[in-house]
Amino acid sequence: MSASRRRLVLLVSIWILSGVLAFTAVRVLPPDYGEDHRGQPPNTTDAGATRAGPAGAAPAVDLAATLVGTRYSRELTFQVTEDVARVGPPPHVADCRQFSAWVQQNGGIATGREPVHVLSMRARRHVDVLIFSVRAIPVAQVSLTAEQGPWVELACRDSGPDPTVLPTADSSRMAQGSNAKPHVLAAGQTLDLPTDLAATYRTEESFPPGASDYYLEVTMEVDGVVESRELRNGASYYRCCGRTTFMGYQSARYEWNLSSSRTLRYCGELRYTGEPPPRTCVTSQR
């Protein structure tokens, strides 16, 4: 073989070897290789999924969330059709917690500006948990039409402590993001934490205007492993945030008292200019 031919073969071999090495590096190295992530939240994809723990491993922490009200409100009320409010809950609904679940199963929309949830964690073993964020992921806007209505406000009272009264002090809410604090749980221990929503990935708002169906995305660290959980309201989505009061208008209000003797307090709708007049309400045995 001539010297020129040997040089040609050597150059072709080097070119092929370089391509193979470059392809291997692209396949093996992670897409964020070389970036400095110290002090930053865990990596996410465009869909918001975080890197989770080992596939198929049983979770060390059971996680659930309950919609308990809306921010800046001291009472959990719902926007429902008048037919649902007037008929009221079935006999097996004995308190306001069960009442809230029943209303949501019948399409009730929590009223207010932004939903507040209680995050419930139950440890299956001794575990350290750090919650980075709780985000609402809207899936559809709720369409409210006059043909479905009329739409009214629905509330509940019972003989026990009001379960719908929300803590207002900032210290009572679960810290998130850079202020997140670890929680050490013993096996079988349950921890309930009221939590606000973090801002979504693409906007600075934590919840869109109007009423929406949504699920919760919880980004957390369990014993040093970052994972993401999607939480739903049972077999369906959570639903918020309705509105029953506008300038010059307040919808009718139905308030069920679920003590030993059930009563229904009804307040008619108001239409007015200027300051709202006193409401006229009537209470009846049911």
C-alpha atoms as a PDB file:
ATOM      1  CA  MET A   1       0.000   0.000   0.000  1.00  0.00           C
ATOM      2  CA  SER A   2       1.370   3.404  -0.963  1.00  0.00           C
ATOM      3  CA  ALA A   3       2.121   6.046   1.645  1.00  0.00           C
ATOM      4  CA  SER A   4      -0.618   8.353   0.334  1.00  0.00           C
ATOM      5  CA  ARG A   5      -3.200   5.575   0.552  1.00  0.00           C
ATOM      6  CA  ARG A   6      -2.162   4.751   4.128  1.00  0.00           C
ATOM      7  CA  ARG A   7      -2.580   8.422   5.103  1.00  0.00           C
ATOM      8  CA  LEU A   8      -6.069   8.461   3.549  1.00  0.00           C
ATOM      9  CA  VAL A   9      -7.123   5.342   5.488  1.00  0.00           C
ATOM     10  CA  LEU A  10      -5.758   6.843   8.735  1.00  0.00           C
ATOM     11  CA  LEU A  11      -7.663  10.123   8.231  1.00  0.00           C
ATOM     12  CA  VAL A  12     -10.939   8.269   7.538  1.00  0.00           C
ATOM     13  CA  SER A  13     -10.458   6.125  10.660  1.00  0.00           C
ATOM     14  CA  ILE A  14      -9.847   9.207  12.846  1.00  0.00           C
ATOM     15  CA  TRP A  15     -12.957  10.933  11.448  1.00  0.00           C
ATOM     16  CA  ILE A  16     -15.162   7.872  12.156  1.00  0.00           C
ATOM     17  CA  LEU A  17     -13.756   7.498  15.706  1.00  0.00           C
ATOM     18  CA  SER A  18     -14.414  11.192  16.450  1.00  0.00           C
ATOM     19  CA  GLY A  19     -18.049  10.877  15.378  1.00  0.00           C
ATOM     20  CA  VAL A  20     -18.593   7.789  17.537  1.00  0.00           C
ATOM     21  CA  LEU A  21     -17.122   9.502  20.620  1.00  0.00           C
ATOM     22  CA  ALA A  22     -19.255  12.636  20.107  1.00  0.00           C
ATOM     23  CA  PHE A  23     -22.445  10.578  19.725  1.00  0.00           C
ATOM     24  CA  THR A  24     -21.642   8.602  22.885  1.00  0.00           C
ATOM     25  CA  ALA A  25     -21.095  11.787  24.899  1.00  0.00           C
ATOM     26  CA  VAL A  26     -24.438  13.256  23.808  1.00  0.00           C
ATOM     27  CA  ARG A  27     -26.308  10.072  24.745  1.00  0.00           C
ATOM     28  CA  VAL A  28     -24.620   9.560  28.126  1.00  0.00           C
ATOM     29  CA  LEU A  29     -24.352  13.060  29.561  1.00  0.00           C
ATOM     30  CA  PRO A  30     -27.552  14.669  30.980  1.00  0.00           C
ATOM     31  CA  PRO A  31     -28.981  17.665  29.090  1.00  0.00           C
ATOM     32  CA  ASP A  32     -28.141  20.044  31.939  1.00  0.00           C
ATOM     33  CA  TYR A  33     -24.560  18.785  32.304  1.00  0.00           C
ATOM     34  CA  GLY A  34     -22.168  21.575  33.175  1.00  0.00           C
ATOM     35  CA  GLU A  35     -24.850  23.932  34.565  1.00  0.00           C
ATOM     36  CA  ASP A  36     -24.551  25.114  38.146  1.00  0.00           C
ATOM     37  CA  HIS A  37     -27.734  24.245  40.060  1.00  0.00           C
ATOM     38  CA  ARG A  38     -26.529  24.874  43.575  1.00  0.00           C
ATOM     39  CA  GLY A  39     -29.239  26.530  45.657  1.00  0.00           C
ATOM     40  CA  GLN A  40     -31.839  26.134  42.895  1.00  0.00           C
ATOM     41  CA  PRO A  41     -35.096  24.134  42.910  1.00  0.00           C
ATOM     42  CA  PRO A  42     -35.047  20.638  41.393  1.00  0.00           C
ATOM     43  CA  ASN A  43     -34.936  20.336  37.604  1.00  0.00           C
ATOM     44  CA  THR A  44     -38.245  20.116  35.755  1.00  0.00           C
ATOM     45  CA  THR A  45     -39.295  19.320  32.246  1.00  0.00           C
ATOM     46  CA  ASP A  46     -41.613  21.500  30.162  1.00  0.00           C
ATOM     47  CA  ALA A  47     -44.524  19.450  31.476  1.00  0.00           C
ATOM     48  CA  GLY A  48     -43.486  20.156  35.059  1.00  0.00           C
ATOM     49  CA  ALA A  49     -42.442  16.601  35.955  1.00  0.00           C
ATOM     50  CA  THR A  50     -39.533  16.305  38.353  1.00  0.00           C
ATOM     51  CA  ARG A  51     -36.952  13.601  38.627  1.00  0.00           C
ATOM     52  CA  ALA A  52     -38.445  10.994  40.901  1.00  0.00           C
ATOM     53  CA  GLY A  53     -37.070   8.239  43.061  1.00  0.00           C
ATOM     54  CA  PRO A  54     -36.470   4.628  41.991  1.00  0.00           C
ATOM     55  CA  ALA A  55     -39.193   3.325  39.693  1.00  0.00           C
ATOM     56  CA  GLY A  56     -41.541   0.826  41.294  1.00  0.00           C
ATOM     57  CA  ALA A  57     -40.439   1.612  44.849  1.00  0.00           C
ATOM     58  CA  ALA A  58     -43.244   1.874  47.410  1.00  0.00           C
ATOM     59  CA  PRO A  59     -43.654   5.488  48.582  1.00  0.00           C
ATOM     60  CA  ALA A  60     -42.356   6.219  52.064  1.00  0.00           C
ATOM     61  CA  VAL A  61     -44.998   8.927  52.505  1.00  0.00           C
ATOM     62  CA  ASP A  62     -48.701   8.825  51.641  1.00  0.00           C
ATOM     63  CA  LEU A  63     -49.838  12.239  50.443  1.00  0.00           C
ATOM     64  CA  ALA A  64     -53.304  13.764  50.103  1.00  0.00           C
ATOM     65  CA  ALA A  65     -54.793  17.253  49.945  1.00  0.00           C
ATOM     66  CA  THR A  66     -58.165  18.646  51.005  1.00  0.00           C
ATOM     67  CA  LEU A  67     -59.667  21.871  49.690  1.00  0.00           C
ATOM     68  CA  VAL A  68     -60.595  23.778  52.867  1.00  0.00           C
ATOM     69  CA  GLY A  69     -61.324  27.295  51.649  1.00  0.00           C
ATOM     70  CA  THR A  70     -59.982  30.249  49.741  1.00  0.00           C
ATOM     71  CA  ARG A  71     -57.371  32.837  50.602  1.00  0.00           C
ATOM     72  CA  TYR A  72     -58.542  35.998  52.404  1.00  0.00           C
ATOM     73  CA  SER A  73     -61.744  34.198  53.470  1.00  0.00           C
ATOM     74  CA  ARG A  74     -62.713  32.913  56.902  1.00  0.00           C
ATOM     75  CA  GLU A  75     -65.465  30.655  55.598  1.00  0.00           C
ATOM     76  CA  LEU A  76     -65.700  27.901  53.012  1.00  0.00           C
ATOM     77  CA  THR A  77     -68.662  28.628  50.742  1.00  0.00           C
ATOM     78  CA  PHE A  78     -69.643  27.228  47.377  1.00  0.00           C
ATOM     79  CA  GLN A  79     -71.292  28.446  44.221  1.00  0.00           C
ATOM     80  CA  VAL A  80     -73.924  25.877  43.205  1.00  0.00           C
ATOM     81  CA  THR A  81     -77.176  25.691  41.299  1.00  0.00           C
ATOM     82  CA  GLU A  82     -80.218  26.527  43.378  1.00  0.00           C
ATOM     83  CA  ASP A  83     -81.632  23.015  42.935  1.00  0.00           C
ATOM     84  CA  VAL A  84     -78.625  21.517  44.754  1.00  0.00           C
ATOM     85  CA  ALA A  85     -78.719  24.129  47.528  1.00  0.00           C
ATOM     86  CA  ARG A  86     -82.457  23.842  48.153  1.00  0.00           C
ATOM     87  CA  VAL A  87     -82.575  20.031  48.360  1.00  0.00           C
ATOM     88  CA  GLY A  88     -79.553  19.867  50.649  1.00  0.00           C
ATOM     89  CA  PRO A  89     -77.360  16.932  51.670  1.00  0.00           C
ATOM     90  CA  PRO A  90     -78.620  13.361  52.215  1.00  0.00           C
ATOM     91  CA  PRO A  91     -79.160  12.061  55.774  1.00  0.00           C
ATOM     92  CA  HIS A  92     -75.755  10.340  56.042  1.00  0.00           C
ATOM     93  CA  VAL A  93     -73.960  13.719  55.744  1.00  0.00           C
ATOM     94  CA  ALA A  94     -73.514  14.498  59.446  1.00  0.00           C
ATOM     95  CA  ASP A  95     -71.015  17.380  59.625  1.00  0.00           C
ATOM     96  CA  CYS A  96     -69.512  20.171  57.565  1.00  0.00           C
ATOM     97  CA  ARG A  97     -66.509  18.158  56.418  1.00  0.00           C
ATOM     98  CA  GLN A  98     -68.805  15.563  54.878  1.00  0.00           C
ATOM     99  CA  PHE A  99     -70.985  18.405  53.594  1.00  0.00           C
ATOM    100  CA  SER A 100     -68.004  19.924  51.775  1.00  0.00           C
ATOM    101  CA  ALA A 101     -67.182  16.597  50.118  1.00  0.00           C
ATOM    102  CA  TRP A 102     -70.829  16.135  49.100  1.00  0.00           C
ATOM    103  CA  VAL A 103     -71.039  19.620  47.550  1.00  0.00           C
ATOM    104  CA  GLN A 104     -67.852  19.076  45.531  1.00  0.00           C
ATOM    105  CA  GLN A 105     -69.151  15.731  44.270  1.00  0.00           C
ATOM    106  CA  ASN A 106     -72.226  17.616  43.021  1.00  0.00           C
ATOM    107  CA  GLY A 107     -70.284  20.223  41.059  1.00  0.00           C
ATOM    108  CA  GLY A 108     -69.935  22.886  43.757  1.00  0.00           C
ATOM    109  CA  ILE A 109     -67.302  25.564  43.146  1.00  0.00           C
ATOM    110  CA  ALA A 110     -65.432  26.985  46.131  1.00  0.00           C
ATOM    111  CA  THR A 111     -65.892  30.786  46.134  1.00  0.00           C
ATOM    112  CA  GLY A 112     -63.063  33.266  46.527  1.00  0.00           C
ATOM    113  CA  ARG A 113     -59.864  34.313  44.804  1.00  0.00           C
ATOM    114  CA  GLU A 114     -57.407  31.462  45.389  1.00  0.00           C
ATOM    115  CA  PRO A 115     -57.848  27.960  46.832  1.00  0.00           C
ATOM    116  CA  VAL A 116     -56.262  26.890  50.111  1.00  0.00           C
ATOM    117  CA  HIS A 117     -55.608  23.231  50.858  1.00  0.00           C
ATOM    118  CA  VAL A 118     -54.537  21.149  53.814  1.00  0.00           C
ATOM    119  CA  LEU A 119     -51.698  18.851  52.785  1.00  0.00           C
ATOM    120  CA  SER A 120     -51.792  15.572  54.723  1.00  0.00           C
ATOM    121  CA  MET A 121     -48.628  13.478  54.979  1.00  0.00           C
ATOM    122  CA  ARG A 122     -48.553  10.008  56.553  1.00  0.00           C
ATOM    123  CA  ALA A 123     -45.204   8.284  56.998  1.00  0.00           C
ATOM    124  CA  ARG A 124     -44.880   4.549  56.394  1.00  0.00           C
ATOM    125  CA  ARG A 125     -41.487   4.588  58.101  1.00  0.00           C
ATOM    126  CA  HIS A 126     -39.157   7.090  59.736  1.00  0.00           C
ATOM    127  CA  VAL A 127     -38.591   9.694  57.040  1.00  0.00           C
ATOM    128  CA  ASP A 128     -37.407  13.240  56.362  1.00  0.00           C
ATOM    129  CA  VAL A 129     -39.704  15.236  54.079  1.00  0.00           C
ATOM    130  CA  LEU A 130     -39.084  18.630  52.476  1.00  0.00           C
ATOM    131  CA  ILE A 131     -41.867  20.260  50.420  1.00  0.00           C
ATOM    132  CA  PHE A 132     -40.483  22.518  47.689  1.00  0.00           C
ATOM    133  CA  SER A 133     -43.768  23.663  46.152  1.00  0.00           C
ATOM    134  CA  VAL A 134     -47.488  22.999  45.782  1.00  0.00           C
ATOM    135  CA  ARG A 135     -48.854  24.201  42.447  1.00  0.00           C
ATOM    136  CA  ALA A 136     -52.323  24.185  40.912  1.00  0.00           C
ATOM    137  CA  ILE A 137     -52.313  22.843  37.347  1.00  0.00           C
ATOM    138  CA  PRO A 138     -55.549  23.951  35.575  1.00  0.00           C
ATOM    139  CA  VAL A 139     -57.035  21.476  33.131  1.00  0.00           C
ATOM    140  CA  ALA A 140     -60.216  23.295  32.032  1.00  0.00           C
ATOM    141  CA  GLN A 141     -62.237  26.420  32.719  1.00  0.00           C
ATOM    142  CA  VAL A 142     -65.675  25.914  34.228  1.00  0.00           C
ATOM    143  CA  SER A 143     -68.444  27.371  32.088  1.00  0.00           C
ATOM    144  CA  LEU A 144     -71.318  28.872  34.091  1.00  0.00           C
ATOM    145  CA  THR A 145     -74.474  29.646  32.133  1.00  0.00           C
ATOM    146  CA  ALA A 146     -77.842  31.104  33.090  1.00  0.00           C
ATOM    147  CA  GLU A 147     -79.522  27.970  31.732  1.00  0.00           C
ATOM    148  CA  GLN A 148     -77.752  25.884  34.385  1.00  0.00           C
ATOM    149  CA  GLY A 149     -78.739  28.247  37.211  1.00  0.00           C
ATOM    150  CA  PRO A 150     -79.777  30.257  38.954  1.00  0.00           C
ATOM    151  CA  TRP A 151     -76.456  30.147  40.820  1.00  0.00           C
ATOM    152  CA  VAL A 152     -76.470  30.722  44.584  1.00  0.00           C
ATOM    153  CA  GLU A 153     -74.120  30.657  47.561  1.00  0.00           C
ATOM    154  CA  LEU A 154     -74.093  27.572  49.801  1.00  0.00           C
ATOM    155  CA  ALA A 155     -72.586  27.250  53.296  1.00  0.00           C
ATOM    156  CA  CYS A 156     -72.645  24.855  56.238  1.00  0.00           C
ATOM    157  CA  ARG A 157     -72.816  24.993  60.047  1.00  0.00           C
ATOM    158  CA  ASP A 158     -72.693  22.186  62.595  1.00  0.00           C
ATOM    159  CA  SER A 159     -72.539  21.803  66.377  1.00  0.00           C
ATOM    160  CA  GLY A 160     -68.788  21.174  66.515  1.00  0.00           C
ATOM    161  CA  PRO A 161     -65.851  23.547  65.994  1.00  0.00           C
ATOM    162  CA  ASP A 162     -66.106  25.202  62.606  1.00  0.00           C
ATOM    163  CA  PRO A 163     -63.842  23.129  60.316  1.00  0.00           C
ATOM    164  CA  THR A 164     -63.982  25.784  57.615  1.00  0.00           C
ATOM    165  CA  VAL A 165     -62.248  28.498  59.659  1.00  0.00           C
ATOM    166  CA  LEU A 166     -58.803  28.874  58.189  1.00  0.00           C
ATOM    167  CA  PRO A 167     -55.631  29.945  59.992  1.00  0.00           C
ATOM    168  CA  THR A 168     -54.674  33.452  58.917  1.00  0.00           C
ATOM    169  CA  ALA A 169     -51.251  33.893  60.516  1.00  0.00           C
ATOM    170  CA  ASP A 170     -48.402  33.439  58.054  1.00  0.00           C
ATOM    171  CA  SER A 171     -46.604  31.267  60.623  1.00  0.00           C
ATOM    172  CA  SER A 172     -49.387  28.675  60.408  1.00  0.00           C
ATOM    173  CA  ARG A 173     -48.943  28.132  56.671  1.00  0.00           C
ATOM    174  CA  MET A 174     -46.396  25.712  55.236  1.00  0.00           C
ATOM    175  CA  ALA A 175     -43.263  27.492  53.998  1.00  0.00           C
ATOM    176  CA  GLN A 176     -42.194  26.695  50.440  1.00  0.00           C
ATOM    177  CA  GLY A 177     -39.306  27.395  48.082  1.00  0.00           C
ATOM    178  CA  SER A 178     -36.154  28.769  49.678  1.00  0.00           C
ATOM    179  CA  ASN A 179     -37.976  29.033  53.031  1.00  0.00           C
ATOM    180  CA  ALA A 180     -39.025  25.377  53.051  1.00  0.00           C
ATOM    181  CA  LYS A 181     -38.304  23.493  56.270  1.00  0.00           C
ATOM    182  CA  PRO A 182     -37.806  19.743  56.650  1.00  0.00           C
ATOM    183  CA  HIS A 183     -40.334  17.629  58.534  1.00  0.00           C
ATOM    184  CA  VAL A 184     -39.136  14.546  60.391  1.00  0.00           C
ATOM    185  CA  LEU A 185     -41.915  11.953  60.687  1.00  0.00           C
ATOM    186  CA  ALA A 186     -41.932   8.725  62.659  1.00  0.00           C
ATOM    187  CA  ALA A 187     -43.496   5.565  61.224  1.00  0.00           C
ATOM    188  CA  GLY A 188     -47.288   5.930  61.222  1.00  0.00           C
ATOM    189  CA  GLN A 189     -47.183   9.651  62.048  1.00  0.00           C
ATOM    190  CA  THR A 190     -49.566  12.004  60.216  1.00  0.00           C
ATOM    191  CA  LEU A 191     -48.948  15.706  59.670  1.00  0.00           C
ATOM    192  CA  ASP A 192     -51.555  18.177  58.343  1.00  0.00           C
ATOM    193  CA  LEU A 193     -50.280  21.467  56.945  1.00  0.00           C
ATOM    194  CA  PRO A 194     -52.397  24.356  55.549  1.00  0.00           C
ATOM    195  CA  THR A 195     -50.672  25.514  52.392  1.00  0.00           C
ATOM    196  CA  ASP A 196     -50.980  28.307  49.871  1.00  0.00           C
ATOM    197  CA  LEU A 197     -50.151  27.783  46.216  1.00  0.00           C
ATOM    198  CA  ALA A 198     -46.831  28.581  44.604  1.00  0.00           C
ATOM    199  CA  ALA A 199     -46.712  30.521  41.335  1.00  0.00           C
ATOM    200  CA  THR A 200     -47.070  28.465  38.177  1.00  0.00           C
ATOM    201  CA  TYR A 201     -44.139  27.749  35.887  1.00  0.00           C
ATOM    202  CA  ARG A 202     -45.001  30.163  33.095  1.00  0.00           C
ATOM    203  CA  THR A 203     -46.734  32.999  34.983  1.00  0.00           C
ATOM    204  CA  GLU A 204     -46.419  34.834  38.267  1.00  0.00           C
ATOM    205  CA  GLU A 205     -49.996  33.929  39.228  1.00  0.00           C
ATOM    206  CA  SER A 206     -50.748  30.999  41.497  1.00  0.00           C
ATOM    207  CA  PHE A 207     -54.270  30.532  40.104  1.00  0.00           C
ATOM    208  CA  PRO A 208     -55.949  31.768  36.903  1.00  0.00           C
ATOM    209  CA  PRO A 209     -58.907  34.180  36.981  1.00  0.00           C
ATOM    210  CA  GLY A 210     -62.377  32.636  37.016  1.00  0.00           C
ATOM    211  CA  ALA A 211     -63.452  29.105  37.860  1.00  0.00           C
ATOM    212  CA  SER A 212     -61.251  26.171  36.836  1.00  0.00           C
ATOM    213  CA  ASP A 213     -60.862  22.443  37.310  1.00  0.00           C
ATOM    214  CA  TYR A 214     -57.327  21.619  38.417  1.00  0.00           C
ATOM    215  CA  TYR A 215     -55.065  19.132  40.110  1.00  0.00           C
ATOM    216  CA  LEU A 216     -52.161  19.751  42.474  1.00  0.00           C
ATOM    217  CA  GLU A 217     -48.523  19.103  41.671  1.00  0.00           C
ATOM    218  CA  VAL A 218     -46.394  18.654  44.781  1.00  0.00           C
ATOM    219  CA  THR A 219     -42.617  18.782  44.389  1.00  0.00           C
ATOM    220  CA  MET A 220     -40.938  17.272  47.422  1.00  0.00           C
ATOM    221  CA  GLU A 221     -37.780  15.642  48.720  1.00  0.00           C
ATOM    222  CA  VAL A 222     -38.076  12.370  50.627  1.00  0.00           C
ATOM    223  CA  ASP A 223     -34.894  11.245  52.373  1.00  0.00           C
ATOM    224  CA  GLY A 224     -32.837  13.246  49.883  1.00  0.00           C
ATOM    225  CA  VAL A 225     -34.628  11.981  46.767  1.00  0.00           C
ATOM    226  CA  VAL A 226     -36.628  14.541  44.777  1.00  0.00           C
ATOM    227  CA  GLU A 227     -39.986  13.424  43.447  1.00  0.00           C
ATOM    228  CA  SER A 228     -43.230  14.867  42.086  1.00  0.00           C
ATOM    229  CA  ARG A 229     -46.755  13.845  43.074  1.00  0.00           C
ATOM    230  CA  GLU A 230     -50.022  14.662  41.310  1.00  0.00           C
ATOM    231  CA  LEU A 231     -52.985  14.947  43.685  1.00  0.00           C
ATOM    232  CA  ARG A 232     -56.649  14.878  42.657  1.00  0.00           C
ATOM    233  CA  ASN A 233     -59.905  15.320  44.521  1.00  0.00           C
ATOM    234  CA  GLY A 234     -60.769  11.645  44.748  1.00  0.00           C
ATOM    235  CA  ALA A 235     -61.715  10.397  41.294  1.00  0.00           C
ATOM    236  CA  SER A 236     -62.181  13.924  39.910  1.00  0.00           C
ATOM    237  CA  TYR A 237     -60.416  17.289  39.891  1.00  0.00           C
ATOM    238  CA  TYR A 238     -60.515  20.101  42.408  1.00  0.00           C
ATOM    239  CA  ARG A 239     -62.711  23.068  41.431  1.00  0.00           C
ATOM    240  CA  CYS A 240     -62.327  26.743  42.298  1.00  0.00           C
ATOM    241  CA  CYS A 241     -62.947  29.743  42.271  1.00  0.00           C
ATOM    242  CA  GLY A 242     -66.562  30.878  41.942  1.00  0.00           C
ATOM    243  CA  ARG A 243     -68.048  34.293  42.639  1.00  0.00           C
ATOM    244  CA  THR A 244     -71.428  35.144  44.161  1.00  0.00           C
ATOM    245  CA  THR A 245     -70.999  38.853  44.897  1.00  0.00           C
ATOM    246  CA  PHE A 246     -70.635  41.612  42.314  1.00  0.00           C
ATOM    247  CA  MET A 247     -71.032  45.359  42.370  1.00  0.00           C
ATOM    248  CA  GLY A 248     -74.719  45.949  43.027  1.00  0.00           C
ATOM    249  CA  TYR A 249     -75.567  42.262  43.360  1.00  0.00           C
ATOM    250  CA  GLN A 250     -75.388  39.458  45.930  1.00  0.00           C
ATOM    251  CA  SER A 251     -76.762  36.056  45.039  1.00  0.00           C
ATOM    252  CA  ALA A 252     -79.184  34.209  47.299  1.00  0.00           C
ATOM    253  CA  ARG A 253     -77.557  32.317  50.170  1.00  0.00           C
ATOM    254  CA  TYR A 254     -78.471  28.887  51.549  1.00  0.00           C
ATOM    255  CA  GLU A 255     -76.930  27.905  54.883  1.00  0.00           C
ATOM    256  CA  TRP A 256     -77.485  24.384  56.205  1.00  0.00           C
ATOM    257  CA  ASN A 257     -77.065  23.685  59.932  1.00  0.00           C
ATOM    258  CA  LEU A 258     -76.323  19.997  60.480  1.00  0.00           C
ATOM    259  CA  SER A 259     -76.813  19.828  64.243  1.00  0.00           C
ATOM    260  CA  SER A 260     -79.197  17.276  65.782  1.00  0.00           C
ATOM    261  CA  SER A 261     -82.139  19.220  64.359  1.00  0.00           C
ATOM    262  CA  ARG A 262     -81.433  20.237  60.766  1.00  0.00           C
ATOM    263  CA  THR A 263     -82.306  23.758  59.755  1.00  0.00           C
ATOM    264  CA  LEU A 264     -81.975  25.779  56.572  1.00  0.00           C
ATOM    265  CA  ARG A 265     -81.350  29.513  56.637  1.00  0.00           C
ATOM    266  CA  TYR A 266     -82.274  31.256  53.398  1.00  0.00           C
ATOM    267  CA  CYS A 267     -81.313  34.812  52.450  1.00  0.00           C
ATOM    268  CA  GLY A 268     -82.777  36.237  49.245  1.00  0.00           C
ATOM    269  CA  GLU A 269     -80.649  37.808  46.534  1.00  0.00           C
ATOM    270  CA  LEU A 270     -79.895  41.530  46.636  1.00  0.00           C
ATOM    271  CA  ARG A 271     -79.846  44.020  43.766  1.00  0.00           C
ATOM    272  CA  TYR A 272     -78.922  47.561  44.758  1.00  0.00           C
ATOM    273  CA  THR A 273     -77.044  50.760  44.007  1.00  0.00           C
ATOM    274  CA  GLY A 274     -74.639  52.269  46.495  1.00  0.00           C
ATOM    275  CA  GLU A 275     -74.276  50.442  49.812  1.00  0.00           C
ATOM    276  CA  PRO A 276     -75.930  46.997  50.131  1.00  0.00           C
ATOM    277  CA  PRO A 277     -79.088  46.990  52.274  1.00  0.00           C
ATOM    278  CA  PRO A 278     -79.546  44.601  55.238  1.00  0.00           C
ATOM    279  CA  ARG A 279     -80.376  41.072  54.142  1.00  0.00           C
ATOM    280  CA  THR A 280     -83.680  39.441  54.997  1.00  0.00           C
ATOM    281  CA  CYS A 281     -83.229  35.813  56.040  1.00  0.00           C
ATOM    282  CA  VAL A 282     -85.641  33.073  57.054  1.00  0.00           C
ATOM    283  CA  THR A 283     -84.808  29.906  59.022  1.00  0.00           C
ATOM    284  CA  SER A 284     -86.893  26.737  58.699  1.00  0.00           C
ATOM    285  CA  GLN A 285     -86.780  23.229  60.141  1.00  0.00           C
ATOM    286  CA  ARG A 286     -85.934  20.471  57.637  1.00  0.00           C
END
